[in-house]
Protein backbone atom coordinates (compact mmCIF):
# COMPACT_ATOMS: atom_id res chain seq x y z
CA UNK A 1 26.66 36.58 -69.85
CA UNK A 2 25.72 32.92 -69.90
CA UNK A 3 22.05 33.85 -70.31
CA UNK A 4 22.97 34.40 -73.97
CA UNK A 5 23.08 30.59 -74.09
CA UNK A 6 19.74 30.38 -72.29
CA UNK A 7 21.50 29.20 -69.12
CA UNK A 8 21.62 30.20 -65.47
CA UNK A 9 24.38 28.77 -63.27
CA UNK A 10 24.95 25.92 -65.73
CA UNK A 11 28.44 24.44 -65.91
CA UNK A 12 27.99 23.72 -69.61
CA UNK A 13 28.13 27.49 -70.17
CA UNK A 14 31.90 27.35 -69.75
CA UNK A 15 32.27 24.85 -72.62
CA UNK A 16 29.82 26.87 -74.72
CA UNK A 17 31.90 29.97 -74.13
CA UNK A 18 35.01 28.19 -75.39
CA UNK A 19 33.09 26.86 -78.40
CA UNK A 20 31.95 30.40 -79.21
CA UNK A 21 35.58 31.47 -79.38
CA UNK A 22 35.45 33.62 -76.24
CA UNK A 23 37.96 33.67 -73.39
CA UNK A 24 35.64 34.76 -70.57
CA UNK A 25 32.05 34.60 -69.38
CA UNK A 26 29.77 36.07 -66.74
CA UNK A 27 27.92 33.40 -64.77
CA UNK A 28 24.49 33.77 -63.15
CA UNK A 29 24.51 32.79 -59.46
CA UNK A 30 21.32 30.79 -59.85
CA UNK A 31 17.86 30.40 -58.36
CA UNK A 32 17.16 29.85 -54.63
CA UNK A 33 15.91 26.38 -53.74
CA UNK A 34 13.23 25.66 -51.13
CA UNK A 35 15.77 26.26 -48.38
CA UNK A 36 16.76 29.60 -49.90
CA UNK A 37 20.16 28.43 -51.17
CA UNK A 38 21.17 29.72 -54.58
CA UNK A 39 22.78 27.34 -57.06
CA UNK A 40 26.30 28.72 -56.56
CA UNK A 41 26.06 28.20 -52.81
CA UNK A 42 26.33 24.45 -53.35
CA UNK A 43 29.86 23.01 -53.01
CA UNK A 44 29.43 20.44 -55.78
CA UNK A 45 28.40 23.16 -58.24
CA UNK A 46 31.35 25.33 -57.24
CA UNK A 47 33.76 22.45 -57.76
CA UNK A 48 32.22 21.68 -61.16
CA UNK A 49 32.75 25.30 -62.26
CA UNK A 50 36.34 25.23 -61.02
CA UNK A 51 37.04 22.07 -63.00
CA UNK A 52 35.36 23.40 -66.15
CA UNK A 53 37.23 26.68 -65.93
CA UNK A 54 40.52 24.82 -65.82
CA UNK A 55 39.58 22.26 -68.49
CA UNK A 56 38.44 24.83 -71.06
CA UNK A 57 40.81 27.66 -70.08
CA UNK A 58 37.88 30.07 -69.78
CA UNK A 59 37.88 32.87 -67.22
CA UNK A 60 34.78 33.56 -65.14
CA UNK A 61 35.13 37.33 -65.27
CA UNK A 62 32.13 38.16 -63.08
CA UNK A 63 29.02 36.74 -61.49
CA UNK A 64 25.49 38.10 -61.74
CA UNK A 65 23.00 37.97 -58.85
CA UNK A 66 20.19 37.98 -61.38
CA UNK A 67 17.47 36.72 -59.04
CA UNK A 68 17.73 39.94 -57.04
CA UNK A 69 15.69 41.64 -59.76
CA UNK A 70 12.69 39.54 -58.71
CA UNK A 71 12.65 41.09 -55.24
CA UNK A 72 12.35 44.75 -54.27
CA UNK A 73 14.26 46.49 -51.50
CA UNK A 74 11.36 48.25 -49.74
CA UNK A 75 9.07 45.40 -48.71
CA UNK A 76 10.62 43.71 -45.64
CA UNK A 77 9.98 40.14 -46.80
CA UNK A 78 11.20 40.83 -50.33
CA UNK A 79 14.21 42.73 -49.03
CA UNK A 80 15.26 39.79 -46.87
CA UNK A 81 15.25 37.49 -49.92
CA UNK A 82 17.21 39.99 -52.03
CA UNK A 83 19.73 40.44 -49.22
CA UNK A 84 20.18 36.68 -48.88
CA UNK A 85 20.76 36.28 -52.61
CA UNK A 86 23.25 39.15 -52.55
CA UNK A 87 25.22 37.77 -49.61
CA UNK A 88 25.37 34.28 -51.07
CA UNK A 89 26.43 35.66 -54.43
CA UNK A 90 29.26 37.62 -52.82
CA UNK A 91 30.42 34.43 -51.11
CA UNK A 92 30.28 32.60 -54.43
CA UNK A 93 32.55 35.29 -55.91
CA UNK A 94 34.96 34.80 -53.04
CA UNK A 95 35.23 31.02 -53.32
CA UNK A 96 35.55 31.17 -57.12
CA UNK A 97 38.04 34.07 -56.90
CA UNK A 98 35.83 36.26 -59.08
CA UNK A 99 36.33 39.99 -58.39
CA UNK A 100 33.05 41.48 -59.66
CA UNK A 101 29.39 40.87 -58.84
CA UNK A 102 26.71 42.41 -61.03
CA UNK A 103 23.82 43.56 -58.83
CA UNK A 104 20.80 44.18 -61.09
CA UNK A 105 17.80 46.33 -60.31
CA UNK A 106 15.29 45.57 -63.03
CA UNK A 107 11.65 44.51 -62.98
CA UNK A 108 10.30 44.39 -59.44
CA UNK A 109 13.57 45.87 -58.14
CA UNK A 110 13.53 49.06 -60.26
CA UNK A 111 13.66 52.17 -58.10
CA UNK A 112 13.38 55.13 -60.49
CA UNK A 113 15.23 58.45 -60.68
CA UNK A 114 13.94 60.41 -57.67
CA UNK A 115 16.80 60.64 -55.17
CA UNK A 116 14.32 61.47 -52.39
CA UNK A 117 12.01 58.53 -53.02
CA UNK A 118 11.52 55.80 -50.39
CA UNK A 119 12.41 53.21 -53.05
CA UNK A 120 15.81 54.72 -53.76
CA UNK A 121 16.50 55.12 -50.06
CA UNK A 122 15.63 51.45 -49.57
CA UNK A 123 18.11 50.47 -52.28
CA UNK A 124 20.82 52.50 -50.57
CA UNK A 125 19.99 50.72 -47.31
CA UNK A 126 20.24 47.32 -48.99
CA UNK A 127 23.59 48.13 -50.61
CA UNK A 128 24.89 49.57 -47.34
CA UNK A 129 24.19 46.23 -45.70
CA UNK A 130 25.82 44.24 -48.52
CA UNK A 131 28.97 46.35 -48.79
CA UNK A 132 30.76 45.09 -45.65
CA UNK A 133 30.43 41.54 -47.00
CA UNK A 134 31.76 42.67 -50.39
CA UNK A 135 34.67 44.56 -48.87
CA UNK A 136 35.60 41.61 -46.66
CA UNK A 137 35.54 39.29 -49.69
CA UNK A 138 37.40 41.73 -51.96
CA UNK A 139 34.44 41.81 -54.36
CA UNK A 140 33.29 44.91 -56.23
CA UNK A 141 29.53 45.34 -56.58
CA UNK A 142 28.38 46.76 -59.91
CA UNK A 143 24.89 48.29 -60.04
CA UNK A 144 23.02 47.74 -63.31
CA UNK A 145 19.71 49.54 -63.67
CA UNK A 146 17.60 51.70 -65.97
CA UNK A 147 18.04 54.57 -63.51
CA UNK A 148 19.85 57.56 -64.98
CA UNK A 149 23.19 59.08 -64.05
CA UNK A 150 22.15 61.69 -61.44
CA UNK A 151 20.48 59.10 -59.21
CA UNK A 152 23.34 56.62 -59.68
CA UNK A 153 25.83 59.34 -58.79
CA UNK A 154 23.78 60.05 -55.65
CA UNK A 155 23.94 56.39 -54.60
CA UNK A 156 27.69 56.15 -55.25
CA UNK A 157 28.37 59.40 -53.39
CA UNK A 158 26.16 58.47 -50.45
CA UNK A 159 27.79 55.09 -49.91
CA UNK A 160 31.27 56.27 -50.95
CA UNK A 161 32.88 52.85 -51.21
CA UNK A 162 35.62 51.72 -53.63
CA UNK A 163 33.73 48.41 -53.72
CA UNK A 164 30.62 49.95 -55.29
CA UNK A 165 30.55 50.93 -58.97
CA UNK A 166 28.10 51.42 -61.81
CA UNK A 167 27.84 48.46 -64.20
CA UNK A 168 26.91 50.84 -67.00
CA UNK A 169 25.02 49.29 -69.92
CA UNK A 170 25.05 51.82 -72.75
CA UNK A 171 22.40 49.92 -74.71
CA UNK A 172 19.93 50.00 -71.82
CA UNK A 173 20.58 53.65 -71.06
CA UNK A 174 20.23 54.78 -74.67
CA UNK A 175 16.86 53.02 -74.81
CA UNK A 176 15.59 55.00 -71.82
CA UNK A 177 16.69 58.26 -73.39
CA UNK A 178 19.95 58.91 -71.55
CA UNK A 179 22.88 60.43 -73.44
CA UNK A 180 25.32 57.62 -72.74
CA UNK A 181 28.13 59.43 -74.55
CA UNK A 182 27.80 62.42 -72.23
CA UNK A 183 27.68 60.17 -69.16
CA UNK A 184 30.92 58.48 -70.22
CA UNK A 185 32.53 61.90 -70.72
CA UNK A 186 31.33 63.12 -67.31
CA UNK A 187 32.66 60.08 -65.48
CA UNK A 188 35.95 60.26 -67.38
CA UNK A 189 36.35 63.91 -66.36
CA UNK A 190 35.76 63.01 -62.72
CA UNK A 191 38.45 60.33 -62.87
CA UNK A 192 40.78 62.64 -64.79
CA UNK A 193 40.32 65.38 -62.18
CA UNK A 194 41.47 62.95 -59.49
CA UNK A 195 44.71 62.51 -61.42
CA UNK A 196 45.60 66.17 -62.04
CA UNK A 197 48.90 65.71 -60.27
CA UNK A 198 49.81 62.93 -62.68
CA UNK A 199 49.99 64.33 -66.19
CA UNK A 200 50.78 60.98 -67.77
CA UNK A 201 47.68 59.40 -66.25
CA UNK A 202 45.57 62.38 -67.36
CA UNK A 203 46.75 62.01 -70.95
CA UNK A 204 45.99 58.29 -70.86
CA UNK A 205 42.46 59.03 -69.62
CA UNK A 206 41.89 61.59 -72.39
CA UNK A 207 43.17 59.15 -75.02
CA UNK A 208 40.95 56.38 -73.66
CA UNK A 209 37.94 58.69 -73.64
CA UNK A 210 38.49 59.67 -77.27
CA UNK A 211 38.84 56.01 -78.28
CA UNK A 212 35.73 55.01 -76.29
CA UNK A 213 33.66 57.77 -77.89
CA UNK A 214 34.72 56.62 -81.35
CA UNK A 215 33.86 52.97 -80.58
CA UNK A 216 30.41 53.79 -79.21
CA UNK A 217 29.55 56.18 -82.06
CA UNK A 218 30.68 53.63 -84.67
């Protein structure tokens, strides 16, 4: 994430990524201007990122609609801003050929763990409105939040879209008291169960799970 350099939607982040010895970076989609346009909605900025990506041979692996965390999903005015940022960020992914958009729900956008709460229902409504844009652009939305697995599972099941995933941050979840190791096991079992007719795939999943557990525990 380019915010590790203290940057948001800054082209220099690509060169800094190369200097750090990394091959890829996540770029923030920027801050809305007075007209409501985020930084990565501006053609000159897009072209600058394209040129930098080619010059430094650094992949932009995903974008982050970070400003969405400053706006909740349940107040109509705030929701409209969040929705605009989300739509523009999806379009930025499309024009930069970036397949993943991190959609964060921190700060003002946090919605808790109660699946029956108005806040969580408002988040589902917001994502439901964003998903057709994501599907049309071929962009996967990844939810990152301090909300725990049961509520995330509820959101994913309710919306049931291959273009909606959990952008699971083990560090964040461990800090809020979630057993991240168990969550990884649970999700791996779900995926493994979908592949019961393919024994080779099942064995690969089990091997990957064992390796992931070892990495996280180390």
